[in-house]
N, C-alpha and C. Protein backbone atom coordinates (compact mmCIF):
# COMPACT_ATOMS: atom_id res chain seq x y z
N UNK A 1 0.84 -1.17 0.00
CA UNK A 1 0.00 0.00 0.00
C UNK A 1 0.88 1.24 0.00
N UNK A 2 0.43 2.26 -0.70
CA UNK A 2 1.21 3.50 -0.77
C UNK A 2 0.73 4.49 0.28
N UNK A 3 1.61 5.38 0.66
CA UNK A 3 1.30 6.43 1.63
C UNK A 3 0.89 7.68 0.87
N UNK A 4 -0.22 8.29 1.29
CA UNK A 4 -0.73 9.51 0.68
C UNK A 4 -0.88 10.54 1.80
N UNK A 5 -0.41 11.74 1.55
CA UNK A 5 -0.50 12.81 2.54
C UNK A 5 -1.43 13.90 2.00
N UNK A 6 -2.33 14.38 2.85
CA UNK A 6 -3.22 15.46 2.43
C UNK A 6 -3.59 16.30 3.65
N UNK A 7 -4.14 17.47 3.40
CA UNK A 7 -4.51 18.39 4.47
C UNK A 7 -6.02 18.38 4.65
N UNK A 8 -6.45 18.38 5.93
CA UNK A 8 -7.87 18.52 6.26
C UNK A 8 -7.97 19.44 7.48
N UNK A 9 -9.15 19.99 7.67
CA UNK A 9 -9.36 20.89 8.80
C UNK A 9 -9.35 20.12 10.11
N UNK A 10 -9.10 20.84 11.19
CA UNK A 10 -9.13 20.23 12.52
C UNK A 10 -10.49 19.62 12.80
N UNK A 11 -11.54 20.33 12.39
CA UNK A 11 -12.91 19.85 12.63
C UNK A 11 -13.15 18.52 11.92
N UNK A 12 -12.73 18.41 10.66
CA UNK A 12 -12.90 17.17 9.92
C UNK A 12 -12.07 16.05 10.53
N UNK A 13 -10.86 16.36 10.95
CA UNK A 13 -10.00 15.36 11.59
C UNK A 13 -10.63 14.85 12.89
N UNK A 14 -11.23 15.73 13.65
CA UNK A 14 -11.91 15.31 14.88
C UNK A 14 -13.07 14.38 14.55
N UNK A 15 -13.81 14.69 13.49
CA UNK A 15 -14.92 13.82 13.08
C UNK A 15 -14.40 12.45 12.66
N UNK A 16 -13.32 12.42 11.91
CA UNK A 16 -12.72 11.16 11.47
C UNK A 16 -12.28 10.36 12.69
N UNK A 17 -11.57 11.00 13.59
CA UNK A 17 -11.07 10.30 14.78
C UNK A 17 -12.20 9.79 15.66
N UNK A 18 -13.26 10.57 15.81
CA UNK A 18 -14.40 10.16 16.62
C UNK A 18 -15.07 8.92 16.03
N UNK A 19 -15.30 8.93 14.73
CA UNK A 19 -15.93 7.79 14.07
C UNK A 19 -15.01 6.58 14.06
N UNK A 20 -13.73 6.82 13.85
CA UNK A 20 -12.77 5.71 13.87
C UNK A 20 -12.78 5.03 15.23
N UNK A 21 -12.77 5.80 16.28
CA UNK A 21 -12.79 5.23 17.63
C UNK A 21 -14.10 4.49 17.88
N UNK A 22 -15.21 5.07 17.44
CA UNK A 22 -16.52 4.44 17.66
C UNK A 22 -16.68 3.12 16.90
N UNK A 23 -16.03 3.02 15.75
CA UNK A 23 -16.16 1.82 14.92
C UNK A 23 -15.02 0.83 15.14
N UNK A 24 -14.01 1.24 15.88
CA UNK A 24 -12.87 0.36 16.12
C UNK A 24 -11.92 0.28 14.94
N UNK A 25 -12.05 1.21 14.01
CA UNK A 25 -11.16 1.26 12.85
C UNK A 25 -10.02 2.23 13.11
N UNK A 26 -8.92 2.02 12.44
CA UNK A 26 -7.85 3.01 12.48
C UNK A 26 -8.28 4.21 11.64
N UNK A 27 -7.61 5.31 11.83
CA UNK A 27 -7.89 6.50 11.02
C UNK A 27 -7.73 6.18 9.53
N UNK A 28 -6.65 5.51 9.20
CA UNK A 28 -6.39 5.17 7.79
C UNK A 28 -7.47 4.25 7.23
N UNK A 29 -7.86 3.25 8.00
CA UNK A 29 -8.88 2.31 7.53
C UNK A 29 -10.21 3.02 7.31
N UNK A 30 -10.56 3.93 8.21
CA UNK A 30 -11.81 4.67 8.06
C UNK A 30 -11.77 5.54 6.81
N UNK A 31 -10.68 6.24 6.57
CA UNK A 31 -10.56 7.10 5.40
C UNK A 31 -10.59 6.27 4.13
N UNK A 32 -9.91 5.10 4.12
CA UNK A 32 -9.96 4.22 2.96
C UNK A 32 -11.39 3.78 2.67
N UNK A 33 -12.10 3.36 3.73
CA UNK A 33 -13.48 2.90 3.56
C UNK A 33 -14.36 4.03 3.03
N UNK A 34 -14.20 5.22 3.57
CA UNK A 34 -15.00 6.36 3.11
C UNK A 34 -14.73 6.67 1.64
N UNK A 35 -13.48 6.62 1.24
CA UNK A 35 -13.14 6.87 -0.17
C UNK A 35 -13.73 5.81 -1.08
N UNK A 36 -13.64 4.56 -0.67
CA UNK A 36 -14.21 3.48 -1.46
C UNK A 36 -15.71 3.68 -1.65
N UNK A 37 -16.41 3.98 -0.56
CA UNK A 37 -17.86 4.20 -0.65
C UNK A 37 -18.19 5.39 -1.54
N UNK A 38 -17.44 6.47 -1.42
CA UNK A 38 -17.66 7.65 -2.25
C UNK A 38 -17.44 7.33 -3.72
N UNK A 39 -16.34 6.66 -4.03
CA UNK A 39 -16.02 6.35 -5.41
C UNK A 39 -17.01 5.36 -6.02
N UNK A 40 -17.43 4.36 -5.26
CA UNK A 40 -18.44 3.42 -5.75
C UNK A 40 -19.74 4.15 -6.04
N UNK A 41 -20.11 5.06 -5.18
CA UNK A 41 -21.33 5.84 -5.38
C UNK A 41 -21.24 6.70 -6.63
N UNK A 42 -20.09 7.31 -6.87
CA UNK A 42 -19.90 8.13 -8.06
C UNK A 42 -20.02 7.28 -9.33
N UNK A 43 -19.40 6.10 -9.31
CA UNK A 43 -19.46 5.21 -10.48
C UNK A 43 -20.89 4.79 -10.73
N UNK A 44 -21.61 4.40 -9.68
CA UNK A 44 -23.00 3.97 -9.83
C UNK A 44 -23.87 5.11 -10.34
N UNK A 45 -23.64 6.33 -9.85
CA UNK A 45 -24.40 7.49 -10.33
C UNK A 45 -24.15 7.72 -11.81
N UNK A 46 -22.91 7.64 -12.24
CA UNK A 46 -22.58 7.86 -13.66
C UNK A 46 -23.17 6.78 -14.54
N UNK A 47 -23.14 5.53 -14.09
CA UNK A 47 -23.72 4.43 -14.87
C UNK A 47 -25.23 4.60 -14.98
N UNK A 48 -25.86 5.05 -13.91
CA UNK A 48 -27.30 5.28 -13.92
C UNK A 48 -27.66 6.34 -14.95
N UNK A 49 -26.90 7.43 -14.99
CA UNK A 49 -27.14 8.51 -15.95
C UNK A 49 -26.91 8.00 -17.36
N UNK A 50 -25.84 7.25 -17.58
CA UNK A 50 -25.56 6.72 -18.93
C UNK A 50 -26.65 5.77 -19.39
N UNK A 51 -27.18 4.96 -18.51
CA UNK A 51 -28.27 4.05 -18.87
C UNK A 51 -29.49 4.82 -19.31
N UNK A 52 -29.80 5.92 -18.60
CA UNK A 52 -30.95 6.75 -18.97
C UNK A 52 -30.73 7.37 -20.34
N UNK A 53 -29.53 7.83 -20.62
CA UNK A 53 -29.24 8.48 -21.90
C UNK A 53 -29.39 7.49 -23.05
N UNK A 54 -28.89 6.27 -22.86
CA UNK A 54 -28.93 5.28 -23.93
C UNK A 54 -30.33 4.71 -24.13
N UNK A 55 -31.19 4.78 -23.10
CA UNK A 55 -32.57 4.29 -23.24
C UNK A 55 -33.41 5.26 -24.04
N UNK A 56 -33.05 6.53 -23.99
CA UNK A 56 -33.87 7.58 -24.65
C UNK A 56 -33.77 7.51 -26.15
């Protein structure tokens, strides 16, 4: 796995840490999971739009 560095606000970091602690995930695992869910959702949204376009 590669290391990625990025900047986030203190408020967002606190939210990440709170949820990570509540779920028993590490900070990195939580961020990975959130990115995966976001990206899957984006792909599904785009496929849904493309299906509508091709049906018309």
